[in-house]
Amino acid sequence: MQELESSLANKVFCIQELENNLHAQKEVNNRQLEEIKTLNDMLNNEARRIKSLERESDRLRAEISLLESKVISKLFQELHGAFGLRH
């Protein structure tokens, strides 16, 4: 009988240890999940920022292209005027 009680007490202790380990692992998992969520939010913010910078870059390229066209047009006008050329 004493051996049975000892075995039962040992099993109860083992179950408590497993429950403690499970609780500790859940805490670790929750912290990791929160860290993943934070990193994911940061990644999404950076992705939006990159998209915004890409749009700004496209806009600036288009503006530069327009300015280049105007400068070239102006240069041709000045050259035609300087040499008395007509179309």
C-alpha atoms as a PDB file:
ATOM      1  CA  MET A   1       0.000   0.000   0.000  1.00  0.00           C
ATOM      2  CA  GLN A   2       2.823   2.369   0.899  1.00  0.00           C
ATOM      3  CA  GLU A   3       4.457   1.630  -2.455  1.00  0.00           C
ATOM      4  CA  LEU A   4       1.206   2.492  -4.245  1.00  0.00           C
ATOM      5  CA  GLU A   5       0.926   5.798  -2.352  1.00  0.00           C
ATOM      6  CA  SER A   6       4.545   6.606  -3.145  1.00  0.00           C
ATOM      7  CA  SER A   7       3.981   5.825  -6.819  1.00  0.00           C
ATOM      8  CA  LEU A   8       0.848   7.969  -6.855  1.00  0.00           C
ATOM      9  CA  ALA A   9       2.667  10.865  -5.143  1.00  0.00           C
ATOM     10  CA  ASN A  10       5.472  10.557  -7.707  1.00  0.00           C
ATOM     11  CA  LYS A  11       2.960  10.646 -10.573  1.00  0.00           C
ATOM     12  CA  VAL A  12       1.234  13.695  -9.067  1.00  0.00           C
ATOM     13  CA  PHE A  13       4.624  15.417  -8.805  1.00  0.00           C
ATOM     14  CA  CYS A  14       5.422  14.542 -12.426  1.00  0.00           C
ATOM     15  CA  ILE A  15       2.040  15.908 -13.573  1.00  0.00           C
ATOM     16  CA  GLN A  16       2.651  19.158 -11.661  1.00  0.00           C
ATOM     17  CA  GLU A  17       6.091  19.466 -13.256  1.00  0.00           C
ATOM     18  CA  LEU A  18       4.604  18.900 -16.705  1.00  0.00           C
ATOM     19  CA  GLU A  19       1.913  21.510 -16.013  1.00  0.00           C
ATOM     20  CA  ASN A  20       4.576  23.982 -14.868  1.00  0.00           C
ATOM     21  CA  ASN A  21       6.644  23.286 -17.988  1.00  0.00           C
ATOM     22  CA  LEU A  22       3.567  23.660 -20.173  1.00  0.00           C
ATOM     23  CA  HIS A  23       2.713  26.989 -18.530  1.00  0.00           C
ATOM     24  CA  ALA A  24       6.286  28.241 -18.997  1.00  0.00           C
ATOM     25  CA  GLN A  25       6.262  27.160 -22.654  1.00  0.00           C
ATOM     26  CA  LYS A  26       2.949  28.932 -23.221  1.00  0.00           C
ATOM     27  CA  GLU A  27       4.474  32.135 -21.826  1.00  0.00           C
ATOM     28  CA  VAL A  28       7.462  31.786 -24.166  1.00  0.00           C
ATOM     29  CA  ASN A  29       5.123  31.130 -27.096  1.00  0.00           C
ATOM     30  CA  ASN A  30       3.012  34.187 -26.228  1.00  0.00           C
ATOM     31  CA  ARG A  31       6.098  36.415 -26.033  1.00  0.00           C
ATOM     32  CA  GLN A  32       7.325  35.081 -29.373  1.00  0.00           C
ATOM     33  CA  LEU A  33       3.905  35.605 -30.925  1.00  0.00           C
ATOM     34  CA  GLU A  34       3.857  39.220 -29.720  1.00  0.00           C
ATOM     35  CA  GLU A  35       7.345  39.738 -31.114  1.00  0.00           C
ATOM     36  CA  ILE A  36       6.280  38.247 -34.447  1.00  0.00           C
ATOM     37  CA  LYS A  37       3.238  40.544 -34.535  1.00  0.00           C
ATOM     38  CA  THR A  38       5.425  43.563 -33.777  1.00  0.00           C
ATOM     39  CA  LEU A  39       7.953  42.606 -36.453  1.00  0.00           C
ATOM     40  CA  ASN A  40       5.147  41.972 -38.932  1.00  0.00           C
ATOM     41  CA  ASP A  41       3.704  45.428 -38.224  1.00  0.00           C
ATOM     42  CA  MET A  42       7.136  46.951 -38.734  1.00  0.00           C
ATOM     43  CA  LEU A  43       7.557  45.023 -41.981  1.00  0.00           C
ATOM     44  CA  ASN A  44       4.153  46.181 -43.246  1.00  0.00           C
ATOM     45  CA  ASN A  45       5.008  49.790 -42.368  1.00  0.00           C
ATOM     46  CA  GLU A  46       8.302  49.530 -44.240  1.00  0.00           C
ATOM     47  CA  ALA A  47       6.547  47.963 -47.243  1.00  0.00           C
ATOM     48  CA  ARG A  48       4.091  50.897 -47.323  1.00  0.00           C
ATOM     49  CA  ARG A  49       6.994  53.336 -47.012  1.00  0.00           C
ATOM     50  CA  ILE A  50       8.825  51.641 -49.898  1.00  0.00           C
ATOM     51  CA  LYS A  51       5.695  51.804 -52.070  1.00  0.00           C
ATOM     52  CA  SER A  52       5.346  55.484 -51.243  1.00  0.00           C
ATOM     53  CA  LEU A  53       8.999  56.126 -52.118  1.00  0.00           C
ATOM     54  CA  GLU A  54       8.584  54.215 -55.377  1.00  0.00           C
ATOM     55  CA  ARG A  55       5.576  56.375 -56.304  1.00  0.00           C
ATOM     56  CA  GLU A  56       7.551  59.520 -55.417  1.00  0.00           C
ATOM     57  CA  SER A  57      10.475  58.275 -57.502  1.00  0.00           C
ATOM     58  CA  ASP A  58       8.166  57.660 -60.489  1.00  0.00           C
ATOM     59  CA  ARG A  59       6.664  61.127 -60.071  1.00  0.00           C
ATOM     60  CA  LEU A  60      10.114  62.739 -59.930  1.00  0.00           C
ATOM     61  CA  ARG A  61      11.277  60.785 -63.002  1.00  0.00           C
ATOM     62  CA  ALA A  62       8.238  62.005 -64.926  1.00  0.00           C
ATOM     63  CA  GLU A  63       8.893  65.569 -63.783  1.00  0.00           C
ATOM     64  CA  ILE A  64      12.555  65.338 -64.807  1.00  0.00           C
ATOM     65  CA  SER A  65      11.540  63.965 -68.200  1.00  0.00           C
ATOM     66  CA  LEU A  66       9.119  66.842 -68.712  1.00  0.00           C
ATOM     67  CA  LEU A  67      11.771  69.393 -67.695  1.00  0.00           C
ATOM     68  CA  GLU A  68      14.309  67.781 -70.033  1.00  0.00           C
ATOM     69  CA  SER A  69      11.814  68.023 -72.891  1.00  0.00           C
ATOM     70  CA  LYS A  70      11.201  71.695 -72.139  1.00  0.00           C
ATOM     71  CA  VAL A  71      14.944  72.433 -71.957  1.00  0.00           C
ATOM     72  CA  ILE A  72      15.616  70.633 -75.247  1.00  0.00           C
ATOM     73  CA  SER A  73      12.710  72.429 -76.892  1.00  0.00           C
ATOM     74  CA  LYS A  74      13.996  75.770 -75.615  1.00  0.00           C
ATOM     75  CA  LEU A  75      17.520  74.987 -76.856  1.00  0.00           C
ATOM     76  CA  PHE A  76      16.226  74.148 -80.329  1.00  0.00           C
ATOM     77  CA  GLN A  77      14.216  77.361 -80.379  1.00  0.00           C
ATOM     78  CA  GLU A  78      17.288  79.350 -79.397  1.00  0.00           C
ATOM     79  CA  LEU A  79      19.450  77.556 -81.971  1.00  0.00           C
ATOM     80  CA  HIS A  80      16.917  78.195 -84.709  1.00  0.00           C
ATOM     81  CA  GLY A  81      16.719  81.823 -83.640  1.00  0.00           C
ATOM     82  CA  ALA A  82      20.522  82.204 -83.468  1.00  0.00           C
ATOM     83  CA  PHE A  83      21.068  80.787 -86.942  1.00  0.00           C
ATOM     84  CA  GLY A  84      17.958  82.273 -88.463  1.00  0.00           C
ATOM     85  CA  LEU A  85      16.573  78.846 -89.243  1.00  0.00           C
ATOM     86  CA  ARG A  86      12.912  78.366 -89.915  1.00  0.00           C
ATOM     87  CA  HIS A  87      10.690  75.348 -90.225  1.00  0.00           C
END
